[in-house]
Amino acid sequence: MILIITARYGIRVAEARQADYESMLAERGLRPTRQRVAVLGALASRDDATAQQIHALLADDGARVGLATVYRTLGWLAEHG
């Protein structure tokens, strides 16, 4: 099980407001899609979580985000955060 810790990504997602997620992604060269913004929002709501936990949280909220999208987004943040 891989723990996803926000500090690892070099951005303080938990302190960012929802409106800032899109600009955070765009500044790092990633298109701010609805799914990616949702992943950031879910990550902000937990200090650490696995990709599966983030996916489950999003699914519980009714967001249609695939597990592969969660993994890709977290991987991209780990590389370019």
C-alpha atoms as a PDB file:
ATOM      1  CA  MET A   1       0.000   0.000   0.000  1.00  0.00           C
ATOM      2  CA  ILE A   2       1.468   3.312  -1.051  1.00  0.00           C
ATOM      3  CA  LEU A   3       0.804   6.293   1.180  1.00  0.00           C
ATOM      4  CA  ILE A   4       0.260   9.542  -0.605  1.00  0.00           C
ATOM      5  CA  ILE A   5       1.497  12.375   1.574  1.00  0.00           C
ATOM      6  CA  THR A   6       0.812  15.935   0.434  1.00  0.00           C
ATOM      7  CA  ALA A   7       4.178  17.237   1.650  1.00  0.00           C
ATOM      8  CA  ARG A   8       5.897  14.903  -0.807  1.00  0.00           C
ATOM      9  CA  TYR A   9       4.524  16.845  -3.740  1.00  0.00           C
ATOM     10  CA  GLY A  10       6.023  20.194  -2.817  1.00  0.00           C
ATOM     11  CA  ILE A  11       2.645  21.892  -2.752  1.00  0.00           C
ATOM     12  CA  ARG A  12       0.470  22.537   0.252  1.00  0.00           C
ATOM     13  CA  VAL A  13      -2.752  21.220  -1.242  1.00  0.00           C
ATOM     14  CA  ALA A  14      -4.514  21.175   2.127  1.00  0.00           C
ATOM     15  CA  GLU A  15      -4.000  24.919   2.467  1.00  0.00           C
ATOM     16  CA  ALA A  16      -5.126  25.796  -1.030  1.00  0.00           C
ATOM     17  CA  ARG A  17      -8.677  26.815  -1.702  1.00  0.00           C
ATOM     18  CA  GLN A  18     -10.815  24.991  -4.248  1.00  0.00           C
ATOM     19  CA  ALA A  19     -10.521  27.914  -6.675  1.00  0.00           C
ATOM     20  CA  ASP A  20      -6.723  27.600  -6.660  1.00  0.00           C
ATOM     21  CA  TYR A  21      -6.547  23.966  -7.787  1.00  0.00           C
ATOM     22  CA  GLU A  22      -6.933  24.818 -11.449  1.00  0.00           C
ATOM     23  CA  SER A  23      -4.188  27.425 -11.358  1.00  0.00           C
ATOM     24  CA  MET A  24      -1.893  25.059  -9.432  1.00  0.00           C
ATOM     25  CA  LEU A  25      -2.281  22.443 -12.153  1.00  0.00           C
ATOM     26  CA  ALA A  26      -1.939  24.948 -14.995  1.00  0.00           C
ATOM     27  CA  GLU A  27       1.216  26.479 -13.512  1.00  0.00           C
ATOM     28  CA  ARG A  28       2.780  23.029 -13.554  1.00  0.00           C
ATOM     29  CA  GLY A  29       1.797  22.404 -17.163  1.00  0.00           C
ATOM     30  CA  LEU A  30      -1.101  20.032 -16.560  1.00  0.00           C
ATOM     31  CA  ARG A  31      -4.538  20.745 -17.982  1.00  0.00           C
ATOM     32  CA  PRO A  32      -6.912  21.333 -15.055  1.00  0.00           C
ATOM     33  CA  THR A  33      -9.657  18.837 -15.847  1.00  0.00           C
ATOM     34  CA  ARG A  34     -12.660  18.255 -13.615  1.00  0.00           C
ATOM     35  CA  GLN A  35     -11.229  14.888 -12.584  1.00  0.00           C
ATOM     36  CA  ARG A  36      -7.801  16.249 -11.662  1.00  0.00           C
ATOM     37  CA  VAL A  37      -9.321  19.079  -9.657  1.00  0.00           C
ATOM     38  CA  ALA A  38     -11.495  16.506  -7.853  1.00  0.00           C
ATOM     39  CA  VAL A  39      -8.398  14.436  -7.004  1.00  0.00           C
ATOM     40  CA  LEU A  40      -6.709  17.525  -5.550  1.00  0.00           C
ATOM     41  CA  GLY A  41      -9.833  18.303  -3.537  1.00  0.00           C
ATOM     42  CA  ALA A  42      -9.938  14.777  -2.142  1.00  0.00           C
ATOM     43  CA  LEU A  43      -6.228  14.910  -1.359  1.00  0.00           C
ATOM     44  CA  ALA A  44      -6.757  18.188   0.474  1.00  0.00           C
ATOM     45  CA  SER A  45      -9.402  16.612   2.676  1.00  0.00           C
ATOM     46  CA  ARG A  46      -6.966  13.972   3.981  1.00  0.00           C
ATOM     47  CA  ASP A  47      -3.405  14.388   5.211  1.00  0.00           C
ATOM     48  CA  ASP A  48      -2.447  11.079   3.682  1.00  0.00           C
ATOM     49  CA  ALA A  49      -4.370   8.521   1.684  1.00  0.00           C
ATOM     50  CA  THR A  50      -3.845   5.752  -0.783  1.00  0.00           C
ATOM     51  CA  ALA A  51      -5.022   6.104  -4.358  1.00  0.00           C
ATOM     52  CA  GLN A  52      -7.780   3.624  -3.562  1.00  0.00           C
ATOM     53  CA  GLN A  53      -8.924   5.699  -0.590  1.00  0.00           C
ATOM     54  CA  ILE A  54      -8.991   8.861  -2.698  1.00  0.00           C
ATOM     55  CA  HIS A  55     -10.941   7.014  -5.390  1.00  0.00           C
ATOM     56  CA  ALA A  56     -13.440   5.712  -2.807  1.00  0.00           C
ATOM     57  CA  LEU A  57     -13.848   9.189  -1.315  1.00  0.00           C
ATOM     58  CA  LEU A  58     -14.571  10.621  -4.750  1.00  0.00           C
ATOM     59  CA  ALA A  59     -16.998   7.809  -5.567  1.00  0.00           C
ATOM     60  CA  ASP A  60     -18.823   8.380  -2.271  1.00  0.00           C
ATOM     61  CA  ASP A  61     -19.207  12.044  -3.240  1.00  0.00           C
ATOM     62  CA  GLY A  62     -20.625  11.040  -6.624  1.00  0.00           C
ATOM     63  CA  ALA A  63     -17.627  12.138  -8.678  1.00  0.00           C
ATOM     64  CA  ARG A  64     -16.988  10.044 -11.762  1.00  0.00           C
ATOM     65  CA  VAL A  65     -13.224   9.655 -11.612  1.00  0.00           C
ATOM     66  CA  GLY A  66     -11.515   6.427 -12.561  1.00  0.00           C
ATOM     67  CA  LEU A  67      -8.909   4.785 -10.379  1.00  0.00           C
ATOM     68  CA  ALA A  68      -6.406   5.025 -13.238  1.00  0.00           C
ATOM     69  CA  THR A  69      -6.968   8.794 -13.358  1.00  0.00           C
ATOM     70  CA  VAL A  70      -6.280   9.029  -9.632  1.00  0.00           C
ATOM     71  CA  TYR A  71      -3.022   7.074 -10.048  1.00  0.00           C
ATOM     72  CA  ARG A  72      -1.942   9.146 -13.066  1.00  0.00           C
ATOM     73  CA  THR A  73      -2.698  12.437 -11.330  1.00  0.00           C
ATOM     74  CA  LEU A  74      -0.850  11.441  -8.158  1.00  0.00           C
ATOM     75  CA  GLY A  75       2.071  10.148 -10.204  1.00  0.00           C
ATOM     76  CA  TRP A  76       2.253  13.382 -12.150  1.00  0.00           C
ATOM     77  CA  LEU A  77       2.192  15.393  -8.915  1.00  0.00           C
ATOM     78  CA  ALA A  78       4.980  13.239  -7.498  1.00  0.00           C
ATOM     79  CA  GLU A  79       7.140  13.966 -10.550  1.00  0.00           C
ATOM     80  CA  HIS A  80       6.303  17.624 -11.155  1.00  0.00           C
ATOM     81  CA  GLY A  81       4.888  18.804  -7.827  1.00  0.00           C
END
